[in-house]
Amino acid sequence: MLLACGDALIDFVPVTAADGRDAYVPVAGGSNLNIAVAMGRLGAVAGLCGGVSTDMFGQMIAAHLAASKVDLRYVERADLETTLAFVRFVDGEPHYAFYDETTAARLWRYVPGSIPFPAIDAIHTGSTTLINDPSASETLRLVEDAKGITTISFDPNCRPSLVRDKAAYVARMERFAAAADIVRMSDVDFDYLYGGDDYAAKAEAQLAAGAALYIVTRGAKGVLAWHRNTGLVEVGAPKTEVVDTIGAGDTFQGSLLAALSEAGRIERSALDAIDAEGLSAALAFGTRCAAITCSRAGANPPWRHEL
């Protein structure tokens, strides 16, 4: 199983009503949910770990996951509220307003021994789950328990509107990155965390600290990836008519993990041994799937038959 651990929420996506007024449509979302959905729709054995409410929005989330072939055995259903996120686009980039204080996702607790790590090929985490406690500390405990047993994938997927103490947040992201085998972030996230675009220096430091793969996605500019053995690999982005970019990075991440798993390269020693051709193929698969998501509204990763 490929397991995404973290946020599952409802995005309120902006639309124009029939009478011309601004309106919002609720859809299941959250970075880790989107990644699990992307993996499941591509045919990987995919699961989600985290808290999902039993309220009406939680029921929408659970139904969406099940319809996308995502295993729910590691989901904790709780009689708490669902996290809500309202989306607004600024210069083509989605910006979010979150309502996430006493929610099932925020108050989720990790129970040691509840996940059989040897049976999990990879665990991915990131995004809003890692900003505030208790979910951030609980997820770090899970990752530290899993490290060395299964491959750890990490994407900070920063949400600045939720961050109250940036220095503490950056330090926390560094702890997660230090525990990860695969680190990916967008160019926007990199600039928020570190300033500028000196990707190579950060990648080299991350690989020296123990990661196998460091990736920066740059939208239409394509992907840069540094691997501890193959060095720098660059892959372009397919041309596509963009409707919106919601879920594009999540689709890339889920598709990349699915591609590495299919190729037998997700386990750490196999990932270390991948060559440039194999890595390029996995990255290109991720960009192809992300382009499809960008071509339609909302976080709607492609199914295998759509490829």
Foldseek 3Di string as FASTA:
>chain_A
DEEEEAAKFWEFEWDADPVRHIGTDTAIDDLSLLLQLLQLLAPHQGEYAAEAEPDPRSVRRVVSCVVSNYDYPRYDYDPFAGKYWYWDDDPQATAIDIDDDTGRRQATADDPPPDPLLVHAEYEYEEPLCADPDSNVRVLVVLVVNQPRHAYEYEHNDRVVSHDDLVVSLVSSVSSLLRHQEYEYEPVVCCSNPNDDPPPVVLVVSVVSPHQKYKYQYPQQFIWMQGPPAGIATDGADDADFPHQAQLVSSLVSQLCSLCVVVVQSGNVSVNVDYNVSNRVSNRRSRVQSRVCRRDDHSDTHGNVVD
